[in-house]
Amino acid sequence: MAHMRRQIREAAAALLTGLATTGARVYQSRVYALRDSDMPCLLITTDDETISASTIGSLQLERSLKLTVRAVAKATANLDDMLDQILAEVEVALNGNTLGGLSLNTVPESITVQMDDSLEKPAGVATLTYAILYFTAGTNPAAPL
């Protein structure tokens, strides 16, 4: 079975696939440059994670994972409106969601917006960071508690 980080990333991608603005253009851990035809899209990554041990009968690990959802859209006259629309769709889908029981909660922490001129054409990137709280057994990072 896959590490919980992967399971959480895949569950988030499944929930975000098919949104009105980005459709099926949802990519996990994307490492190559986006083309015009890839946008607007969502890029989903699991980033930093803090882990603390607790003992309630047997060793349990409490984990707080940063799930990052990047909305990427071509730079146009209505770029801000497009990014805000994508963010609204993402928040409706993810805020408070347990990701199929994998986490206790999905809490939005921050939004940052910037321009990216390294792509084929300039694009706007709105990054929404979530805190995902979940528990695993100390001996099995692939099984939720």
N, C-alpha and C. Protein backbone atom coordinates (compact mmCIF):
# COMPACT_ATOMS: atom_id res chain seq x y z
N MET A 1 0.84 -1.17 0.00
CA MET A 1 0.00 0.00 0.00
C MET A 1 0.89 1.25 0.00
N ALA A 2 0.45 2.30 -0.64
CA ALA A 2 1.22 3.54 -0.78
C ALA A 2 1.23 4.34 0.52
N HIS A 3 2.28 5.12 0.70
CA HIS A 3 2.39 6.01 1.85
C HIS A 3 1.14 6.90 1.90
N MET A 4 0.73 7.29 3.08
CA MET A 4 -0.45 8.13 3.25
C MET A 4 -0.32 9.46 2.49
N ARG A 5 0.87 9.99 2.37
CA ARG A 5 1.06 11.24 1.60
C ARG A 5 0.54 11.06 0.18
N ARG A 6 0.89 9.95 -0.43
CA ARG A 6 0.43 9.69 -1.80
C ARG A 6 -1.07 9.48 -1.83
N GLN A 7 -1.60 8.72 -0.88
CA GLN A 7 -3.04 8.47 -0.83
C GLN A 7 -3.82 9.79 -0.69
N ILE A 8 -3.31 10.68 0.14
CA ILE A 8 -3.96 11.98 0.34
C ILE A 8 -3.89 12.82 -0.93
N ARG A 9 -2.72 12.87 -1.56
CA ARG A 9 -2.56 13.63 -2.81
C ARG A 9 -3.50 13.10 -3.88
N GLU A 10 -3.59 11.78 -4.01
CA GLU A 10 -4.47 11.18 -5.02
C GLU A 10 -5.94 11.42 -4.71
N ALA A 11 -6.31 11.39 -3.42
CA ALA A 11 -7.71 11.66 -3.04
C ALA A 11 -8.07 13.11 -3.36
N ALA A 12 -7.16 14.04 -3.09
CA ALA A 12 -7.41 15.45 -3.41
C ALA A 12 -7.54 15.63 -4.92
N ALA A 13 -6.67 14.99 -5.68
CA ALA A 13 -6.74 15.10 -7.14
C ALA A 13 -8.06 14.56 -7.67
N ALA A 14 -8.53 13.45 -7.11
CA ALA A 14 -9.81 12.89 -7.54
C ALA A 14 -10.96 13.85 -7.26
N LEU A 15 -10.94 14.49 -6.10
CA LEU A 15 -12.00 15.45 -5.75
C LEU A 15 -11.96 16.69 -6.64
N LEU A 16 -10.78 17.06 -7.10
CA LEU A 16 -10.62 18.28 -7.89
C LEU A 16 -10.74 18.06 -9.39
N THR A 17 -10.73 16.82 -9.82
CA THR A 17 -10.87 16.53 -11.25
C THR A 17 -12.32 16.72 -11.65
N GLY A 18 -12.52 17.50 -12.70
CA GLY A 18 -13.87 17.73 -13.20
C GLY A 18 -14.49 19.04 -12.73
N LEU A 19 -13.72 19.91 -12.07
CA LEU A 19 -14.27 21.21 -11.70
C LEU A 19 -14.58 22.01 -12.96
N ALA A 20 -15.49 22.95 -12.86
CA ALA A 20 -15.99 23.67 -14.03
C ALA A 20 -14.88 24.35 -14.84
N THR A 21 -13.96 24.99 -14.18
CA THR A 21 -12.95 25.79 -14.89
C THR A 21 -11.75 24.99 -15.35
N THR A 22 -11.28 24.05 -14.55
CA THR A 22 -10.06 23.32 -14.88
C THR A 22 -10.31 21.94 -15.46
N GLY A 23 -11.52 21.40 -15.32
CA GLY A 23 -11.86 20.11 -15.91
C GLY A 23 -10.93 18.99 -15.49
N ALA A 24 -10.41 18.26 -16.46
CA ALA A 24 -9.53 17.12 -16.19
C ALA A 24 -8.06 17.52 -16.12
N ARG A 25 -7.78 18.81 -16.24
CA ARG A 25 -6.38 19.28 -16.21
C ARG A 25 -5.93 19.43 -14.76
N VAL A 26 -5.76 18.29 -14.10
CA VAL A 26 -5.30 18.22 -12.71
C VAL A 26 -4.07 17.32 -12.71
N TYR A 27 -2.95 17.88 -12.27
CA TYR A 27 -1.69 17.17 -12.35
C TYR A 27 -1.06 17.06 -10.96
N GLN A 28 -0.53 15.87 -10.65
CA GLN A 28 0.15 15.64 -9.38
C GLN A 28 1.65 15.67 -9.61
N SER A 29 2.34 16.41 -8.74
CA SER A 29 3.81 16.45 -8.77
C SER A 29 4.35 16.69 -10.17
N ARG A 30 3.78 17.64 -10.84
CA ARG A 30 4.19 17.94 -12.22
C ARG A 30 5.57 18.57 -12.22
N VAL A 31 6.48 18.06 -13.05
CA VAL A 31 7.86 18.56 -13.04
C VAL A 31 8.29 19.17 -14.37
N TYR A 32 7.47 19.11 -15.39
CA TYR A 32 7.90 19.72 -16.65
C TYR A 32 7.02 20.93 -16.96
N ALA A 33 7.50 21.75 -17.87
CA ALA A 33 6.84 23.01 -18.18
C ALA A 33 5.44 22.80 -18.74
N LEU A 34 4.55 23.69 -18.35
CA LEU A 34 3.18 23.66 -18.87
C LEU A 34 3.13 24.33 -20.23
N ARG A 35 2.26 23.82 -21.09
CA ARG A 35 2.00 24.43 -22.39
C ARG A 35 0.69 25.20 -22.30
N ASP A 36 0.43 26.03 -23.27
CA ASP A 36 -0.83 26.77 -23.32
C ASP A 36 -2.03 25.84 -23.23
N SER A 37 -1.94 24.70 -23.90
CA SER A 37 -3.07 23.76 -23.94
C SER A 37 -3.31 23.07 -22.59
N ASP A 38 -2.35 23.18 -21.67
CA ASP A 38 -2.51 22.58 -20.33
C ASP A 38 -3.28 23.49 -19.38
N MET A 39 -3.53 24.72 -19.76
CA MET A 39 -4.13 25.70 -18.85
C MET A 39 -5.54 26.09 -19.26
N PRO A 40 -6.35 26.48 -18.30
CA PRO A 40 -6.07 26.56 -16.87
C PRO A 40 -5.99 25.15 -16.26
N CYS A 41 -5.21 25.03 -15.21
CA CYS A 41 -5.03 23.72 -14.60
C CYS A 41 -4.77 23.84 -13.10
N LEU A 42 -4.73 22.67 -12.46
CA LEU A 42 -4.37 22.57 -11.05
C LEU A 42 -3.16 21.67 -10.92
N LEU A 43 -2.19 22.09 -10.13
CA LEU A 43 -1.02 21.29 -9.81
C LEU A 43 -1.10 20.95 -8.33
N ILE A 44 -1.06 19.68 -8.00
CA ILE A 44 -1.24 19.25 -6.61
C ILE A 44 0.03 18.57 -6.12
N THR A 45 0.53 19.04 -4.98
CA THR A 45 1.70 18.43 -4.37
C THR A 45 1.48 18.27 -2.87
N THR A 46 2.16 17.29 -2.32
CA THR A 46 2.25 17.17 -0.87
C THR A 46 3.63 17.63 -0.49
N ASP A 47 3.69 18.63 0.38
CA ASP A 47 4.95 19.28 0.70
C ASP A 47 5.41 18.91 2.11
N ASP A 48 5.79 19.90 2.89
CA ASP A 48 6.34 19.65 4.22
C ASP A 48 5.33 18.96 5.13
N GLU A 49 5.87 18.24 6.10
CA GLU A 49 5.03 17.51 7.05
C GLU A 49 5.73 17.51 8.41
N THR A 50 4.96 17.77 9.45
CA THR A 50 5.49 17.62 10.80
C THR A 50 4.86 16.38 11.42
N ILE A 51 5.66 15.70 12.24
CA ILE A 51 5.22 14.43 12.83
C ILE A 51 5.54 14.46 14.31
N SER A 52 4.57 14.07 15.12
CA SER A 52 4.84 13.93 16.55
C SER A 52 4.28 12.59 17.02
N ALA A 53 4.99 11.98 17.95
CA ALA A 53 4.59 10.67 18.46
C ALA A 53 3.69 10.85 19.67
N SER A 54 2.70 9.97 19.75
CA SER A 54 1.85 9.92 20.94
C SER A 54 1.64 8.46 21.27
N THR A 55 1.48 8.17 22.52
CA THR A 55 1.25 6.78 22.91
C THR A 55 -0.08 6.68 23.64
N ILE A 56 -0.99 6.07 22.97
CA ILE A 56 -2.31 5.77 23.54
C ILE A 56 -2.49 4.27 23.30
N GLY A 57 -1.97 3.46 24.19
CA GLY A 57 -1.99 2.02 24.00
C GLY A 57 -0.80 1.56 23.19
N SER A 58 -0.69 2.01 21.95
CA SER A 58 0.46 1.68 21.11
C SER A 58 0.91 2.96 20.41
N LEU A 59 2.09 2.93 19.84
CA LEU A 59 2.65 4.13 19.22
C LEU A 59 1.78 4.60 18.06
N GLN A 60 1.38 5.86 18.12
CA GLN A 60 0.66 6.51 17.03
C GLN A 60 1.44 7.75 16.64
N LEU A 61 1.40 8.06 15.36
CA LEU A 61 2.04 9.27 14.87
C LEU A 61 0.97 10.25 14.41
N GLU A 62 1.04 11.45 14.96
CA GLU A 62 0.16 12.53 14.52
C GLU A 62 0.92 13.31 13.46
N ARG A 63 0.31 13.47 12.31
CA ARG A 63 0.99 14.10 11.18
C ARG A 63 0.20 15.30 10.68
N SER A 64 0.91 16.37 10.40
CA SER A 64 0.31 17.57 9.82
C SER A 64 1.02 17.82 8.49
N LEU A 65 0.31 17.58 7.42
CA LEU A 65 0.85 17.63 6.07
C LEU A 65 0.40 18.91 5.37
N LYS A 66 1.30 19.52 4.62
CA LYS A 66 0.94 20.66 3.78
C LYS A 66 0.60 20.14 2.38
N LEU A 67 -0.65 20.30 2.01
CA LEU A 67 -1.11 19.96 0.67
C LEU A 67 -1.20 21.27 -0.10
N THR A 68 -0.54 21.34 -1.23
CA THR A 68 -0.52 22.56 -2.02
C THR A 68 -1.27 22.35 -3.32
N VAL A 69 -2.20 23.27 -3.60
CA VAL A 69 -2.94 23.26 -4.85
C VAL A 69 -2.61 24.57 -5.56
N ARG A 70 -1.98 24.45 -6.73
CA ARG A 70 -1.64 25.63 -7.52
C ARG A 70 -2.59 25.73 -8.71
N ALA A 71 -3.26 26.86 -8.79
CA ALA A 71 -4.12 27.15 -9.93
C ALA A 71 -3.28 27.95 -10.91
N VAL A 72 -3.18 27.48 -12.14
CA VAL A 72 -2.36 28.15 -13.15
C VAL A 72 -3.26 28.50 -14.32
N ALA A 73 -3.21 29.78 -14.73
CA ALA A 73 -4.02 30.25 -15.86
C ALA A 73 -3.20 31.21 -16.70
N LYS A 74 -3.48 31.24 -18.00
CA LYS A 74 -2.78 32.14 -18.91
C LYS A 74 -3.06 33.58 -18.52
N ALA A 75 -2.03 34.42 -18.68
CA ALA A 75 -2.19 35.84 -18.38
C ALA A 75 -3.08 36.47 -19.44
N THR A 76 -4.23 36.95 -19.01
CA THR A 76 -5.18 37.66 -19.87
C THR A 76 -5.71 38.86 -19.09
N ALA A 77 -6.59 39.62 -19.72
CA ALA A 77 -7.16 40.80 -19.06
C ALA A 77 -7.95 40.42 -17.82
N ASN A 78 -8.54 39.22 -17.79
CA ASN A 78 -9.36 38.81 -16.65
C ASN A 78 -8.66 37.74 -15.79
N LEU A 79 -7.33 37.79 -15.74
CA LEU A 79 -6.55 36.77 -15.02
C LEU A 79 -6.96 36.67 -13.56
N ASP A 80 -7.07 37.79 -12.86
CA ASP A 80 -7.43 37.74 -11.45
C ASP A 80 -8.79 37.11 -11.24
N ASP A 81 -9.74 37.44 -12.10
CA ASP A 81 -11.08 36.85 -11.99
C ASP A 81 -11.03 35.33 -12.21
N MET A 82 -10.24 34.91 -13.19
CA MET A 82 -10.10 33.48 -13.50
C MET A 82 -9.49 32.74 -12.31
N LEU A 83 -8.41 33.27 -11.75
CA LEU A 83 -7.77 32.62 -10.61
C LEU A 83 -8.71 32.57 -9.40
N ASP A 84 -9.43 33.66 -9.15
CA ASP A 84 -10.39 33.67 -8.03
C ASP A 84 -11.49 32.64 -8.24
N GLN A 85 -11.95 32.47 -9.47
CA GLN A 85 -12.98 31.47 -9.76
C GLN A 85 -12.46 30.06 -9.50
N ILE A 86 -11.24 29.79 -9.94
CA ILE A 86 -10.64 28.47 -9.71
C ILE A 86 -10.48 28.22 -8.22
N LEU A 87 -9.98 29.22 -7.48
CA LEU A 87 -9.82 29.07 -6.03
C LEU A 87 -11.16 28.79 -5.36
N ALA A 88 -12.21 29.47 -5.78
CA ALA A 88 -13.53 29.24 -5.19
C ALA A 88 -13.98 27.80 -5.42
N GLU A 89 -13.76 27.28 -6.62
CA GLU A 89 -14.14 25.90 -6.93
C GLU A 89 -13.34 24.91 -6.09
N VAL A 90 -12.04 25.17 -5.92
CA VAL A 90 -11.19 24.29 -5.12
C VAL A 90 -11.65 24.30 -3.67
N GLU A 91 -11.91 25.48 -3.13
CA GLU A 91 -12.32 25.57 -1.73
C GLU A 91 -13.64 24.85 -1.46
N VAL A 92 -14.58 24.97 -2.37
CA VAL A 92 -15.85 24.26 -2.21
C VAL A 92 -15.61 22.76 -2.16
N ALA A 93 -14.70 22.27 -2.99
CA ALA A 93 -14.44 20.83 -3.06
C ALA A 93 -13.63 20.31 -1.87
N LEU A 94 -12.68 21.11 -1.35
CA LEU A 94 -11.75 20.58 -0.35
C LEU A 94 -11.98 21.04 1.09
N ASN A 95 -12.43 22.27 1.30
CA ASN A 95 -12.51 22.79 2.66
C ASN A 95 -13.34 21.88 3.56
N GLY A 96 -12.72 21.40 4.64
CA GLY A 96 -13.41 20.55 5.61
C GLY A 96 -13.55 19.10 5.19
N ASN A 97 -13.09 18.75 4.02
CA ASN A 97 -13.24 17.39 3.51
C ASN A 97 -12.27 16.44 4.23
N THR A 98 -12.70 15.22 4.48
CA THR A 98 -11.82 14.23 5.12
C THR A 98 -11.08 13.37 4.10
N LEU A 99 -11.22 13.69 2.83
CA LEU A 99 -10.51 12.98 1.76
C LEU A 99 -10.77 11.48 1.83
N GLY A 100 -12.03 11.15 1.90
CA GLY A 100 -12.42 9.74 1.94
C GLY A 100 -12.05 9.05 3.24
N GLY A 101 -11.98 9.82 4.33
CA GLY A 101 -11.64 9.24 5.62
C GLY A 101 -10.16 9.13 5.90
N LEU A 102 -9.32 9.66 5.01
CA LEU A 102 -7.87 9.59 5.21
C LEU A 102 -7.37 10.61 6.22
N SER A 103 -8.11 11.72 6.37
CA SER A 103 -7.67 12.77 7.29
C SER A 103 -8.81 13.16 8.22
N LEU A 104 -8.45 13.85 9.29
CA LEU A 104 -9.47 14.36 10.20
C LEU A 104 -10.15 15.58 9.62
N ASN A 105 -9.39 16.39 8.89
CA ASN A 105 -9.93 17.61 8.34
C ASN A 105 -8.96 18.18 7.31
N THR A 106 -9.50 19.00 6.42
CA THR A 106 -8.70 19.68 5.42
C THR A 106 -8.96 21.17 5.62
N VAL A 107 -7.95 21.86 6.16
CA VAL A 107 -8.13 23.25 6.56
C VAL A 107 -7.26 24.16 5.69
N PRO A 108 -7.87 25.15 5.00
CA PRO A 108 -7.06 26.08 4.22
C PRO A 108 -6.24 26.97 5.14
N GLU A 109 -4.96 27.20 4.76
CA GLU A 109 -4.07 28.02 5.59
C GLU A 109 -3.68 29.34 4.93
N SER A 110 -3.46 29.31 3.63
CA SER A 110 -3.01 30.53 2.98
C SER A 110 -3.25 30.48 1.47
N ILE A 111 -3.28 31.68 0.89
CA ILE A 111 -3.34 31.84 -0.56
C ILE A 111 -2.28 32.86 -0.94
N THR A 112 -1.48 32.53 -1.95
CA THR A 112 -0.53 33.49 -2.51
C THR A 112 -0.76 33.54 -4.01
N VAL A 113 -0.52 34.70 -4.60
CA VAL A 113 -0.72 34.88 -6.05
C VAL A 113 0.53 35.53 -6.62
N GLN A 114 0.97 35.00 -7.77
CA GLN A 114 2.15 35.56 -8.43
C GLN A 114 2.06 35.33 -9.93
N MET A 115 2.94 35.99 -10.66
CA MET A 115 3.05 35.80 -12.10
C MET A 115 4.23 34.87 -12.38
N ASP A 116 4.09 34.05 -13.44
CA ASP A 116 5.17 33.15 -13.84
C ASP A 116 5.45 33.40 -15.31
N ASP A 117 6.59 34.01 -15.60
CA ASP A 117 6.93 34.29 -17.00
C ASP A 117 7.89 33.26 -17.58
N SER A 118 8.09 32.13 -16.89
CA SER A 118 8.99 31.09 -17.39
C SER A 118 8.27 30.10 -18.30
N LEU A 119 6.95 30.18 -18.37
CA LEU A 119 6.18 29.26 -19.21
C LEU A 119 6.18 29.72 -20.66
N GLU A 120 5.55 28.93 -21.52
CA GLU A 120 5.44 29.26 -22.94
C GLU A 120 4.91 30.68 -23.12
N LYS A 121 3.88 31.02 -22.36
CA LYS A 121 3.34 32.38 -22.29
C LYS A 121 3.16 32.70 -20.82
N PRO A 122 3.25 33.97 -20.45
CA PRO A 122 3.10 34.32 -19.03
C PRO A 122 1.79 33.79 -18.46
N ALA A 123 1.83 33.43 -17.18
CA ALA A 123 0.65 32.87 -16.52
C ALA A 123 0.59 33.41 -15.10
N GLY A 124 -0.61 33.35 -14.55
CA GLY A 124 -0.79 33.67 -13.14
C GLY A 124 -0.88 32.37 -12.37
N VAL A 125 -0.34 32.38 -11.15
CA VAL A 125 -0.36 31.19 -10.30
C VAL A 125 -0.91 31.59 -8.94
N ALA A 126 -2.02 30.98 -8.56
CA ALA A 126 -2.59 31.19 -7.23
C ALA A 126 -2.34 29.89 -6.45
N THR A 127 -1.65 29.99 -5.34
CA THR A 127 -1.29 28.82 -4.55
C THR A 127 -2.11 28.79 -3.28
N LEU A 128 -2.85 27.71 -3.11
CA LEU A 128 -3.68 27.50 -1.93
C LEU A 128 -3.04 26.38 -1.12
N THR A 129 -2.68 26.68 0.12
CA THR A 129 -2.03 25.70 0.98
C THR A 129 -3.00 25.22 2.04
N TYR A 130 -3.08 23.91 2.18
CA TYR A 130 -3.96 23.27 3.16
C TYR A 130 -3.13 22.56 4.21
N ALA A 131 -3.66 22.54 5.44
CA ALA A 131 -3.10 21.70 6.50
C ALA A 131 -3.98 20.46 6.59
N ILE A 132 -3.37 19.31 6.45
CA ILE A 132 -4.08 18.04 6.51
C ILE A 132 -3.61 17.32 7.77
N LEU A 133 -4.52 17.09 8.70
CA LEU A 133 -4.20 16.39 9.93
C LEU A 133 -4.63 14.94 9.79
N TYR A 134 -3.66 14.01 10.04
CA TYR A 134 -3.99 12.59 9.99
C TYR A 134 -3.09 11.82 10.94
N PHE A 135 -3.46 10.58 11.20
CA PHE A 135 -2.73 9.72 12.14
C PHE A 135 -2.37 8.42 11.45
N THR A 136 -1.19 7.89 11.81
CA THR A 136 -0.79 6.56 11.34
C THR A 136 -0.20 5.80 12.52
N ALA A 137 -0.14 4.50 12.35
CA ALA A 137 0.59 3.68 13.33
C ALA A 137 2.07 3.98 13.17
N GLY A 138 2.82 3.89 14.26
CA GLY A 138 4.24 4.17 14.19
C GLY A 138 5.00 3.23 13.29
N THR A 139 4.45 2.05 13.05
CA THR A 139 5.14 1.05 12.24
C THR A 139 4.62 0.94 10.82
N ASN A 140 3.59 1.74 10.47
CA ASN A 140 3.01 1.61 9.13
C ASN A 140 2.53 2.97 8.61
N PRO A 141 3.36 3.68 7.85
CA PRO A 141 2.97 5.00 7.34
C PRO A 141 1.95 4.94 6.21
N ALA A 142 1.53 3.74 5.82
CA ALA A 142 0.57 3.60 4.74
C ALA A 142 -0.86 3.34 5.23
N ALA A 143 -1.02 3.18 6.55
CA ALA A 143 -2.34 2.83 7.07
C ALA A 143 -2.86 3.93 8.00
N PRO A 144 -4.01 4.53 7.67
CA PRO A 144 -4.56 5.56 8.55
C PRO A 144 -5.13 4.97 9.83
N LEU A 145 -5.13 5.76 10.88
CA LEU A 145 -5.76 5.35 12.13
C LEU A 145 -7.03 6.15 12.33
